[in-house]
C-alpha atoms as a PDB file:
ATOM      1  CA  MET A   1      52.178 237.632  76.713  1.00  0.00           C
ATOM      2  CA  SER A   2      48.746 237.151  78.343  1.00  0.00           C
ATOM      3  CA  ARG A   3      45.989 235.885  76.111  1.00  0.00           C
ATOM      4  CA  PRO A   4      42.639 237.703  75.914  1.00  0.00           C
ATOM      5  CA  ASP A   5      40.032 236.637  78.462  1.00  0.00           C
ATOM      6  CA  ILE A   6      36.812 236.068  76.504  1.00  0.00           C
ATOM      7  CA  HIS A   7      33.613 235.183  78.327  1.00  0.00           C
ATOM      8  CA  PRO A   8      31.982 232.052  76.868  1.00  0.00           C
ATOM      9  CA  LEU A   9      28.772 234.013  76.208  1.00  0.00           C
ATOM     10  CA  ALA A  10      30.545 236.661  74.126  1.00  0.00           C
ATOM     11  CA  CYS A  11      30.349 236.611  70.318  1.00  0.00           C
ATOM     12  CA  VAL A  12      33.800 237.428  68.966  1.00  0.00           C
ATOM     13  CA  SER A  13      34.610 237.195  65.263  1.00  0.00           C
ATOM     14  CA  PRO A  14      37.678 235.124  64.414  1.00  0.00           C
ATOM     15  CA  ASN A  15      38.640 238.054  62.150  1.00  0.00           C
ATOM     16  CA  ALA A  16      38.746 240.538  65.030  1.00  0.00           C
ATOM     17  CA  GLU A  17      42.099 241.475  66.571  1.00  0.00           C
ATOM     18  CA  LEU A  18      42.381 241.317  70.381  1.00  0.00           C
ATOM     19  CA  GLY A  19      45.430 242.561  72.252  1.00  0.00           C
ATOM     20  CA  ALA A  20      47.163 240.957  75.179  1.00  0.00           C
ATOM     21  CA  ALA A  21      45.203 240.768  78.449  1.00  0.00           C
ATOM     22  CA  ALA A  22      42.043 242.186  76.847  1.00  0.00           C
ATOM     23  CA  THR A  23      38.876 241.219  78.726  1.00  0.00           C
ATOM     24  CA  ILE A  24      35.611 240.620  76.852  1.00  0.00           C
ATOM     25  CA  GLY A  25      32.460 240.351  78.965  1.00  0.00           C
ATOM     26  CA  PRO A  26      29.278 238.310  78.472  1.00  0.00           C
ATOM     27  CA  TYR A  27      27.029 239.029  75.505  1.00  0.00           C
ATOM     28  CA  CYS A  28      29.584 241.332  73.903  1.00  0.00           C
ATOM     29  CA  ILE A  29      29.711 241.404  70.115  1.00  0.00           C
ATOM     30  CA  ILE A  30      33.092 242.006  68.480  1.00  0.00           C
ATOM     31  CA  GLU A  31      32.634 242.165  64.698  1.00  0.00           C
ATOM     32  CA  ASP A  32      34.922 241.339  61.769  1.00  0.00           C
ATOM     33  CA  GLY A  33      37.864 243.689  61.470  1.00  0.00           C
ATOM     34  CA  ALA A  34      37.459 245.302  64.883  1.00  0.00           C
ATOM     35  CA  ARG A  35      40.770 245.893  66.667  1.00  0.00           C
ATOM     36  CA  ILE A  36      41.095 246.053  70.457  1.00  0.00           C
ATOM     37  CA  GLY A  37      44.427 246.917  72.042  1.00  0.00           C
ATOM     38  CA  ASP A  38      46.242 245.528  75.065  1.00  0.00           C
ATOM     39  CA  ASN A  39      44.654 245.593  78.516  1.00  0.00           C
ATOM     40  CA  CYS A  40      41.284 246.807  77.285  1.00  0.00           C
ATOM     41  CA  SER A  41      38.178 245.884  79.268  1.00  0.00           C
ATOM     42  CA  ILE A  42      34.935 245.498  77.311  1.00  0.00           C
ATOM     43  CA  ALA A  43      31.952 245.020  79.642  1.00  0.00           C
ATOM     44  CA  GLY A  44      28.869 242.919  78.995  1.00  0.00           C
ATOM     45  CA  HIS A  45      26.507 243.800  76.130  1.00  0.00           C
ATOM     46  CA  ALA A  46      28.962 246.266  74.572  1.00  0.00           C
ATOM     47  CA  ILE A  47      29.373 246.108  70.790  1.00  0.00           C
ATOM     48  CA  ILE A  48      32.603 246.879  68.941  1.00  0.00           C
ATOM     49  CA  LYS A  49      31.698 246.979  65.277  1.00  0.00           C
ATOM     50  CA  SER A  50      33.685 246.641  62.075  1.00  0.00           C
ATOM     51  CA  GLY A  51      35.832 249.647  61.310  1.00  0.00           C
ATOM     52  CA  CYS A  52      36.511 250.445  64.968  1.00  0.00           C
ATOM     53  CA  ARG A  53      40.039 250.475  66.399  1.00  0.00           C
ATOM     54  CA  LEU A  54      40.797 250.854  70.102  1.00  0.00           C
ATOM     55  CA  GLY A  55      44.256 251.513  71.502  1.00  0.00           C
ATOM     56  CA  ASN A  56      45.523 250.223  74.844  1.00  0.00           C
ATOM     57  CA  ASN A  57      44.105 250.402  78.373  1.00  0.00           C
ATOM     58  CA  ASN A  58      40.595 251.465  77.399  1.00  0.00           C
ATOM     59  CA  THR A  59      37.545 250.663  79.511  1.00  0.00           C
ATOM     60  CA  VAL A  60      34.219 250.285  77.707  1.00  0.00           C
ATOM     61  CA  SER A  61      31.122 249.904  79.881  1.00  0.00           C
ATOM     62  CA  GLU A  62      27.876 248.001  79.391  1.00  0.00           C
ATOM     63  CA  GLY A  63      25.761 248.695  76.334  1.00  0.00           C
ATOM     64  CA  ALA A  64      28.201 250.992  74.525  1.00  0.00           C
ATOM     65  CA  VAL A  65      28.163 250.721  70.714  1.00  0.00           C
ATOM     66  CA  LEU A  66      31.374 251.799  69.009  1.00  0.00           C
ATOM     67  CA  GLY A  67      31.718 251.963  65.233  1.00  0.00           C
ATOM     68  CA  GLY A  68      28.086 252.342  64.173  1.00  0.00           C
ATOM     69  CA  ILE A  69      27.115 253.468  60.686  1.00  0.00           C
ATOM     70  CA  PRO A  70      26.707 257.269  60.380  1.00  0.00           C
ATOM     71  CA  GLN A  71      23.208 258.616  60.933  1.00  0.00           C
ATOM     72  CA  HIS A  72      22.964 260.317  57.548  1.00  0.00           C
ATOM     73  CA  LEU A  73      20.463 260.030  54.716  1.00  0.00           C
ATOM     74  CA  GLN A  74      23.207 259.797  52.085  1.00  0.00           C
ATOM     75  CA  VAL A  75      25.534 257.313  53.741  1.00  0.00           C
ATOM     76  CA  SER A  76      27.378 255.129  51.222  1.00  0.00           C
ATOM     77  CA  ASP A  77      28.540 251.538  51.357  1.00  0.00           C
ATOM     78  CA  ARG A  78      32.168 252.653  51.723  1.00  0.00           C
ATOM     79  CA  ILE A  79      32.557 254.562  54.961  1.00  0.00           C
ATOM     80  CA  GLY A  80      35.444 255.484  57.231  1.00  0.00           C
ATOM     81  CA  GLU A  81      36.580 254.334  60.647  1.00  0.00           C
ATOM     82  CA  VAL A  82      36.434 255.069  64.350  1.00  0.00           C
ATOM     83  CA  VAL A  83      39.903 255.369  65.886  1.00  0.00           C
ATOM     84  CA  ILE A  84      40.163 255.590  69.681  1.00  0.00           C
ATOM     85  CA  GLY A  85      43.478 256.157  71.462  1.00  0.00           C
ATOM     86  CA  ASP A  86      44.695 254.942  74.851  1.00  0.00           C
ATOM     87  CA  ASP A  87      43.497 255.157  78.457  1.00  0.00           C
ATOM     88  CA  ASN A  88      39.945 256.235  77.727  1.00  0.00           C
ATOM     89  CA  THR A  89      36.909 255.539  79.900  1.00  0.00           C
ATOM     90  CA  ILE A  90      33.751 255.058  77.834  1.00  0.00           C
ATOM     91  CA  ARG A  91      30.699 254.605  80.001  1.00  0.00           C
ATOM     92  CA  GLU A  92      27.322 252.898  79.546  1.00  0.00           C
ATOM     93  CA  HIS A  93      25.348 253.313  76.313  1.00  0.00           C
ATOM     94  CA  VAL A  94      27.810 255.650  74.611  1.00  0.00           C
ATOM     95  CA  THR A  95      27.560 255.613  70.807  1.00  0.00           C
ATOM     96  CA  ILE A  96      30.417 256.584  68.487  1.00  0.00           C
ATOM     97  CA  HIS A  97      29.837 256.476  64.720  1.00  0.00           C
ATOM     98  CA  ARG A  98      32.223 255.902  61.841  1.00  0.00           C
ATOM     99  CA  ALA A  99      33.267 258.678  59.446  1.00  0.00           C
ATOM    100  CA  MET A 100      31.148 259.306  56.377  1.00  0.00           C
ATOM    101  CA  ASN A 101      33.762 258.614  53.713  1.00  0.00           C
ATOM    102  CA  GLU A 102      36.298 255.892  53.125  1.00  0.00           C
ATOM    103  CA  GLY A 103      39.716 256.954  54.391  1.00  0.00           C
ATOM    104  CA  ALA A 104      38.243 259.415  56.915  1.00  0.00           C
ATOM    105  CA  ARG A 105      38.100 258.853  60.675  1.00  0.00           C
ATOM    106  CA  THR A 106      36.035 259.721  63.699  1.00  0.00           C
ATOM    107  CA  LEU A 107      38.743 260.355  66.277  1.00  0.00           C
ATOM    108  CA  VAL A 108      38.898 260.068  70.064  1.00  0.00           C
ATOM    109  CA  GLY A 109      42.311 260.793  71.558  1.00  0.00           C
ATOM    110  CA  ASN A 110      43.827 259.700  74.862  1.00  0.00           C
ATOM    111  CA  ASN A 111      42.748 259.799  78.501  1.00  0.00           C
ATOM    112  CA  ASN A 112      39.202 261.007  77.839  1.00  0.00           C
ATOM    113  CA  THR A 113      36.149 260.348  80.000  1.00  0.00           C
ATOM    114  CA  VAL A 114      32.965 259.880  77.978  1.00  0.00           C
ATOM    115  CA  MET A 115      30.013 259.525  80.322  1.00  0.00           C
ATOM    116  CA  VAL A 116      26.673 257.716  80.115  1.00  0.00           C
ATOM    117  CA  GLY A 117      24.574 258.154  76.982  1.00  0.00           C
ATOM    118  CA  THR A 118      26.904 260.476  75.079  1.00  0.00           C
ATOM    119  CA  HIS A 119      26.690 260.406  71.282  1.00  0.00           C
ATOM    120  CA  ILE A 120      29.737 261.199  69.146  1.00  0.00           C
ATOM    121  CA  ALA A 121      28.621 261.429  65.525  1.00  0.00           C
ATOM    122  CA  HIS A 122      30.508 260.779  62.293  1.00  0.00           C
ATOM    123  CA  ASP A 123      33.743 262.678  61.592  1.00  0.00           C
ATOM    124  CA  CYS A 124      34.031 264.205  65.068  1.00  0.00           C
ATOM    125  CA  ASP A 125      37.496 264.860  66.475  1.00  0.00           C
ATOM    126  CA  ILE A 126      37.923 264.613  70.253  1.00  0.00           C
ATOM    127  CA  GLY A 127      41.323 265.591  71.656  1.00  0.00           C
ATOM    128  CA  ASP A 128      43.053 264.423  74.838  1.00  0.00           C
ATOM    129  CA  ASN A 129      42.051 264.715  78.499  1.00  0.00           C
ATOM    130  CA  THR A 130      38.517 265.886  77.797  1.00  0.00           C
ATOM    131  CA  ILE A 131      35.411 265.176  79.844  1.00  0.00           C
ATOM    132  CA  LEU A 132      32.092 264.670  78.068  1.00  0.00           C
ATOM    133  CA  ALA A 133      29.405 264.363  80.736  1.00  0.00           C
ATOM    134  CA  ASN A 134      26.135 262.439  80.577  1.00  0.00           C
ATOM    135  CA  ASN A 135      23.997 262.694  77.446  1.00  0.00           C
ATOM    136  CA  VAL A 136      26.148 265.091  75.453  1.00  0.00           C
ATOM    137  CA  LEU A 137      24.745 265.154  71.901  1.00  0.00           C
ATOM    138  CA  MET A 138      27.345 265.820  69.259  1.00  0.00           C
ATOM    139  CA  ALA A 139      26.437 266.247  65.586  1.00  0.00           C
ATOM    140  CA  GLY A 140      28.791 265.443  62.718  1.00  0.00           C
ATOM    141  CA  HIS A 141      32.194 267.084  62.217  1.00  0.00           C
ATOM    142  CA  VAL A 142      32.374 268.550  65.732  1.00  0.00           C
ATOM    143  CA  THR A 143      35.818 269.206  67.223  1.00  0.00           C
ATOM    144  CA  VAL A 144      36.534 269.179  70.960  1.00  0.00           C
ATOM    145  CA  GLU A 145      40.063 270.301  71.786  1.00  0.00           C
ATOM    146  CA  ASP A 146      42.308 269.119  74.634  1.00  0.00           C
ATOM    147  CA  ARG A 147      41.139 269.436  78.248  1.00  0.00           C
ATOM    148  CA  ALA A 148      37.720 270.825  77.407  1.00  0.00           C
ATOM    149  CA  PHE A 149      34.816 269.993  79.728  1.00  0.00           C
ATOM    150  CA  VAL A 150      31.351 269.552  78.226  1.00  0.00           C
ATOM    151  CA  SER A 151      28.638 269.240  80.866  1.00  0.00           C
ATOM    152  CA  GLY A 152      25.542 267.065  80.865  1.00  0.00           C
ATOM    153  CA  GLY A 153      22.832 267.397  78.243  1.00  0.00           C
ATOM    154  CA  VAL A 154      24.760 269.761  75.964  1.00  0.00           C
ATOM    155  CA  ALA A 155      23.728 269.708  72.283  1.00  0.00           C
ATOM    156  CA  ILE A 156      26.416 270.719  69.769  1.00  0.00           C
ATOM    157  CA  HIS A 157      25.580 271.728  66.181  1.00  0.00           C
ATOM    158  CA  GLN A 158      27.493 270.148  63.323  1.00  0.00           C
ATOM    159  CA  PHE A 159      30.896 271.642  62.399  1.00  0.00           C
ATOM    160  CA  CYS A 160      31.158 273.541  65.709  1.00  0.00           C
ATOM    161  CA  ARG A 161      34.408 273.561  67.691  1.00  0.00           C
ATOM    162  CA  ILE A 162      34.992 273.586  71.433  1.00  0.00           C
ATOM    163  CA  GLY A 163      38.343 275.191  72.276  1.00  0.00           C
ATOM    164  CA  ALA A 164      40.970 273.828  74.636  1.00  0.00           C
ATOM    165  CA  TYR A 165      40.351 274.386  78.371  1.00  0.00           C
ATOM    166  CA  ALA A 166      36.796 275.593  77.675  1.00  0.00           C
ATOM    167  CA  MET A 167      33.869 274.571  79.866  1.00  0.00           C
ATOM    168  CA  VAL A 168      30.342 274.315  78.486  1.00  0.00           C
ATOM    169  CA  GLY A 169      27.621 274.458  81.151  1.00  0.00           C
ATOM    170  CA  GLY A 170      24.841 271.896  81.420  1.00  0.00           C
ATOM    171  CA  LEU A 171      21.981 271.880  78.901  1.00  0.00           C
ATOM    172  CA  SER A 172      23.666 274.492  76.698  1.00  0.00           C
ATOM    173  CA  ILE A 173      22.927 274.630  72.973  1.00  0.00           C
ATOM    174  CA  VAL A 174      26.144 275.234  71.048  1.00  0.00           C
ATOM    175  CA  ARG A 175      25.503 276.741  67.599  1.00  0.00           C
ATOM    176  CA  GLN A 176      28.854 278.498  67.130  1.00  0.00           C
ATOM    177  CA  ASP A 177      32.472 277.928  68.074  1.00  0.00           C
ATOM    178  CA  VAL A 178      33.369 278.107  71.765  1.00  0.00           C
ATOM    179  CA  PRO A 179      36.770 279.858  72.114  1.00  0.00           C
ATOM    180  CA  PRO A 180      39.524 278.318  74.233  1.00  0.00           C
ATOM    181  CA  CYS A 181      39.577 278.885  77.990  1.00  0.00           C
ATOM    182  CA  VAL A 182      36.093 280.402  78.299  1.00  0.00           C
ATOM    183  CA  MET A 183      33.035 279.210  80.192  1.00  0.00           C
ATOM    184  CA  ILE A 184      29.544 278.900  78.715  1.00  0.00           C
ATOM    185  CA  GLY A 185      26.600 279.371  81.071  1.00  0.00           C
ATOM    186  CA  GLY A 186      23.815 276.873  80.591  1.00  0.00           C
ATOM    187  CA  ASP A 187      21.077 279.423  81.286  1.00  0.00           C
ATOM    188  CA  GLN A 188      21.618 281.404  78.072  1.00  0.00           C
ATOM    189  CA  SER A 189      24.218 279.285  76.243  1.00  0.00           C
ATOM    190  CA  ARG A 190      26.485 282.345  76.253  1.00  0.00           C
ATOM    191  CA  VAL A 191      30.000 283.134  77.409  1.00  0.00           C
ATOM    192  CA  VAL A 192      30.042 284.159  81.071  1.00  0.00           C
ATOM    193  CA  GLY A 193      33.797 284.611  81.543  1.00  0.00           C
ATOM    194  CA  LEU A 194      37.007 282.617  81.658  1.00  0.00           C
ATOM    195  CA  ASN A 195      37.047 279.033  82.941  1.00  0.00           C
ATOM    196  CA  LEU A 196      39.254 280.120  85.844  1.00  0.00           C
ATOM    197  CA  ILE A 197      38.812 277.025  87.995  1.00  0.00           C
ATOM    198  CA  GLY A 198      39.557 274.679  85.106  1.00  0.00           C
ATOM    199  CA  LEU A 199      42.569 276.720  84.062  1.00  0.00           C
ATOM    200  CA  LYS A 200      44.035 276.689  87.560  1.00  0.00           C
ATOM    201  CA  ARG A 201      43.436 272.955  87.907  1.00  0.00           C
ATOM    202  CA  ASN A 202      45.345 272.428  84.688  1.00  0.00           C
ATOM    203  CA  GLY A 203      48.372 274.320  85.956  1.00  0.00           C
ATOM    204  CA  VAL A 204      47.973 277.638  84.138  1.00  0.00           C
ATOM    205  CA  LEU A 205      50.244 280.162  85.844  1.00  0.00           C
ATOM    206  CA  ARG A 206      49.168 283.480  87.362  1.00  0.00           C
ATOM    207  CA  GLU A 207      50.895 285.562  84.688  1.00  0.00           C
ATOM    208  CA  GLU A 208      49.247 283.420  82.002  1.00  0.00           C
ATOM    209  CA  LEU A 209      45.865 284.033  83.601  1.00  0.00           C
ATOM    210  CA  ALA A 210      46.546 287.764  83.483  1.00  0.00           C
ATOM    211  CA  GLN A 211      47.206 287.486  79.742  1.00  0.00           C
ATOM    212  CA  LEU A 212      44.014 285.493  79.255  1.00  0.00           C
ATOM    213  CA  LYS A 213      42.034 288.224  80.994  1.00  0.00           C
ATOM    214  CA  GLN A 214      43.500 290.751  78.562  1.00  0.00           C
ATOM    215  CA  VAL A 215      42.494 288.524  75.649  1.00  0.00           C
ATOM    216  CA  TYR A 216      38.981 288.172  77.026  1.00  0.00           C
ATOM    217  CA  ARG A 217      38.580 291.955  77.274  1.00  0.00           C
ATOM    218  CA  LEU A 218      39.929 292.356  73.765  1.00  0.00           C
ATOM    219  CA  ILE A 219      37.438 289.881  72.286  1.00  0.00           C
ATOM    220  CA  TYR A 220      34.310 290.546  74.313  1.00  0.00           C
ATOM    221  CA  ARG A 221      34.547 294.093  75.674  1.00  0.00           C
ATOM    222  CA  ASP A 222      36.664 296.349  73.470  1.00  0.00           C
ATOM    223  CA  GLY A 223      34.286 296.232  70.497  1.00  0.00           C
ATOM    224  CA  LEU A 224      37.001 296.186  67.850  1.00  0.00           C
ATOM    225  CA  PRO A 225      36.257 295.126  64.262  1.00  0.00           C
ATOM    226  CA  ARG A 226      37.123 291.483  63.668  1.00  0.00           C
ATOM    227  CA  HIS A 227      40.215 292.172  61.551  1.00  0.00           C
ATOM    228  CA  GLU A 228      41.660 294.545  64.164  1.00  0.00           C
ATOM    229  CA  MET A 229      40.930 292.122  66.975  1.00  0.00           C
ATOM    230  CA  LEU A 230      42.652 289.269  65.109  1.00  0.00           C
ATOM    231  CA  ALA A 231      45.664 291.440  64.335  1.00  0.00           C
ATOM    232  CA  ARG A 232      46.037 292.321  68.026  1.00  0.00           C
ATOM    233  CA  LEU A 233      45.731 288.670  69.023  1.00  0.00           C
ATOM    234  CA  GLU A 234      48.427 287.657  66.546  1.00  0.00           C
ATOM    235  CA  THR A 235      50.942 290.342  67.499  1.00  0.00           C
ATOM    236  CA  ASP A 236      50.334 290.808  71.233  1.00  0.00           C
ATOM    237  CA  PHE A 237      49.599 287.265  72.418  1.00  0.00           C
ATOM    238  CA  SER A 238      51.986 284.813  70.808  1.00  0.00           C
ATOM    239  CA  SER A 239      52.904 282.614  73.782  1.00  0.00           C
ATOM    240  CA  GLY A 240      51.250 280.540  76.483  1.00  0.00           C
ATOM    241  CA  PRO A 241      47.549 279.625  76.533  1.00  0.00           C
ATOM    242  CA  ALA A 242      46.688 283.067  75.113  1.00  0.00           C
ATOM    243  CA  ALA A 243      48.390 282.076  71.851  1.00  0.00           C
ATOM    244  CA  ARG A 244      45.577 279.595  71.189  1.00  0.00           C
ATOM    245  CA  PHE A 245      43.087 282.346  70.415  1.00  0.00           C
ATOM    246  CA  PHE A 246      44.454 283.694  67.136  1.00  0.00           C
ATOM    247  CA  PRO A 247      44.550 280.394  65.187  1.00  0.00           C
ATOM    248  CA  PHE A 248      41.220 279.317  66.685  1.00  0.00           C
ATOM    249  CA  LEU A 249      39.332 282.521  65.881  1.00  0.00           C
ATOM    250  CA  SER A 250      40.978 283.097  62.500  1.00  0.00           C
ATOM    251  CA  GLN A 251      39.839 279.637  61.346  1.00  0.00           C
ATOM    252  CA  SER A 252      36.274 279.968  62.599  1.00  0.00           C
ATOM    253  CA  GLN A 253      33.630 279.359  59.936  1.00  0.00           C
ATOM    254  CA  ARG A 254      30.538 279.655  62.126  1.00  0.00           C
ATOM    255  CA  GLY A 255      31.553 282.612  64.278  1.00  0.00           C
ATOM    256  CA  ILE A 256      32.022 282.438  68.039  1.00  0.00           C
ATOM    257  CA  VAL A 257      29.571 282.281  70.917  1.00  0.00           C
ATOM    258  CA  GLY A 258      28.702 285.751  72.196  1.00  0.00           C
ATOM    259  CA  LYS A 259      28.804 287.175  75.703  1.00  0.00           C
ATOM    260  CA  ARG A 260      25.853 286.689  78.048  1.00  0.00           C
ATOM    261  CA  ARG A 261      23.198 289.355  77.863  1.00  0.00           C
ATOM    262  CA  LYS A 262      22.605 291.450  80.963  1.00  0.00           C
ATOM    263  CA  GLU A 263      20.022 289.816  83.159  1.00  0.00           C
ATOM    264  CA  THR A 264      17.144 291.747  84.719  1.00  0.00           C
ATOM    265  CA  ASN A 265      16.074 291.385  88.309  1.00  0.00           C
ATOM    266  CA  ASP A 266      12.422 292.166  87.658  1.00  0.00           C
ATOM    267  CA  ILE A 267      10.033 290.084  89.738  1.00  0.00           C
ATOM    268  CA  ALA A 268       7.021 288.825  87.864  1.00  0.00           C
ATOM    269  CA  SER A 269       3.687 289.749  89.418  1.00  0.00           C
ATOM    270  CA  ILE A 270       0.263 288.185  89.163  1.00  0.00           C
ATOM    271  CA  ARG A 271      -2.762 290.447  88.905  1.00  0.00           C
ATOM    272  CA  LEU A 272      -5.567 289.514  91.276  1.00  0.00           C
ATOM    273  CA  HIS A 273      -8.992 289.636  89.708  1.00  0.00           C
ATOM    274  CA  ARG A 274     -10.734 290.296  93.013  1.00  0.00           C
ATOM    275  CA  PRO A 275     -10.332 293.492  95.057  1.00  0.00           C
ATOM    276  CA  LEU A 276      -7.692 293.268  97.752  1.00  0.00           C
ATOM    277  CA  ASN A 277     -10.273 294.046 100.443  1.00  0.00           C
ATOM    278  CA  ASP A 278     -12.067 290.822  99.568  1.00  0.00           C
ATOM    279  CA  LYS A 279     -12.252 288.890 102.864  1.00  0.00           C
ATOM    280  CA  SER A 280     -11.800 285.592 101.003  1.00  0.00           C
ATOM    281  CA  ILE A 281      -8.231 286.590 100.176  1.00  0.00           C
ATOM    282  CA  PRO A 282      -5.807 285.665 103.015  1.00  0.00           C
ATOM    283  CA  ALA A 283      -4.770 288.591 105.171  1.00  0.00           C
ATOM    284  CA  ASP A 284      -1.056 288.206 104.471  1.00  0.00           C
ATOM    285  CA  VAL A 285      -1.708 288.425 100.715  1.00  0.00           C
ATOM    286  CA  ARG A 286      -3.837 291.562 101.185  1.00  0.00           C
ATOM    287  CA  ARG A 287      -1.048 293.159 103.224  1.00  0.00           C
ATOM    288  CA  ALA A 288       1.522 292.261 100.561  1.00  0.00           C
ATOM    289  CA  GLY A 289      -0.629 293.897  97.907  1.00  0.00           C
END
C-alpha cells in the first residue's frame, strides 16, 4: 500500500487520517480528526478542517476550505460534519461548511464538479453527478439532486431544493423549489421549459421525453388546483423520470418556481428636447424621427 505523499511545507496533524497514495501539497493545513481517503489530491494552500471526511479519488484545488464552522449567529460548540463521497472535483477557493448540530452532516455525494468560488453552507445535501459552476452561493439546508446543473453566480435561498436533471441559468435567484428536469432562465429566474439538452445527454429516451412534456403541461399550463395536479401526477406518471415529480412537488414547503412571464418587444424611446428640424441634430437622427 502506497504511503501518503506529504509536501514538507504542509502542516498535517498527527491525528488526521490519510489514505493510501494521498497527495498533500505545500502550505496545506490538515487539522485534527480530518479524514482523507485513498488517492486524493489536495493542492497547495487548501485547508481540510476538523470534522471533514473525504472519500476516495477526490481532487481539491488551491485555496479550498472544507469543514468550516457554519456562518450562523447561534452556532454552538458542538456541531456536525462535512462528508464528501468519491471522485469529486473541488476547484479553487470553494468553501463547504459543517452542519449546525452534532450528529448532522453537510453532504456531497459522488462524481460532482464544484467550480471556483462556490459556497456550500451548513446542512446542504448535494447528490451525485452534479455540476455547480463558478460562484454558486448556497444558503443552509439546500438540496441539489442528482445530475442537476447550477450555472455561474446563482444564489439559492435556504431550504430550497433543486430537482434531478434540472438546469438553473446563470445569475438566477432561487427562492422556491426548482422541479426536476426543468430549465430556469437567468433573465427572470423563472421556468422556461424542460432541460431537453441535459435530459438527452443523460440518456433519457424519446418516449420518456414525451411523458415529461405531458407533465410540464400539467404543471405549468393546465391551471389545475394543486391537489388535482398532484393526484394526476401520482396516478398517471408512476414510472421513468416523470415519476420524480409527484414526490418532489408533494414534499415542497416553499412552493415551486413559476413559469416565465411573457416578454414584451417594446423598444424604449428617448424624447428629444429640441425640435427635429434643429440643424444641430444629425440628419440621420432627424430622418429616423
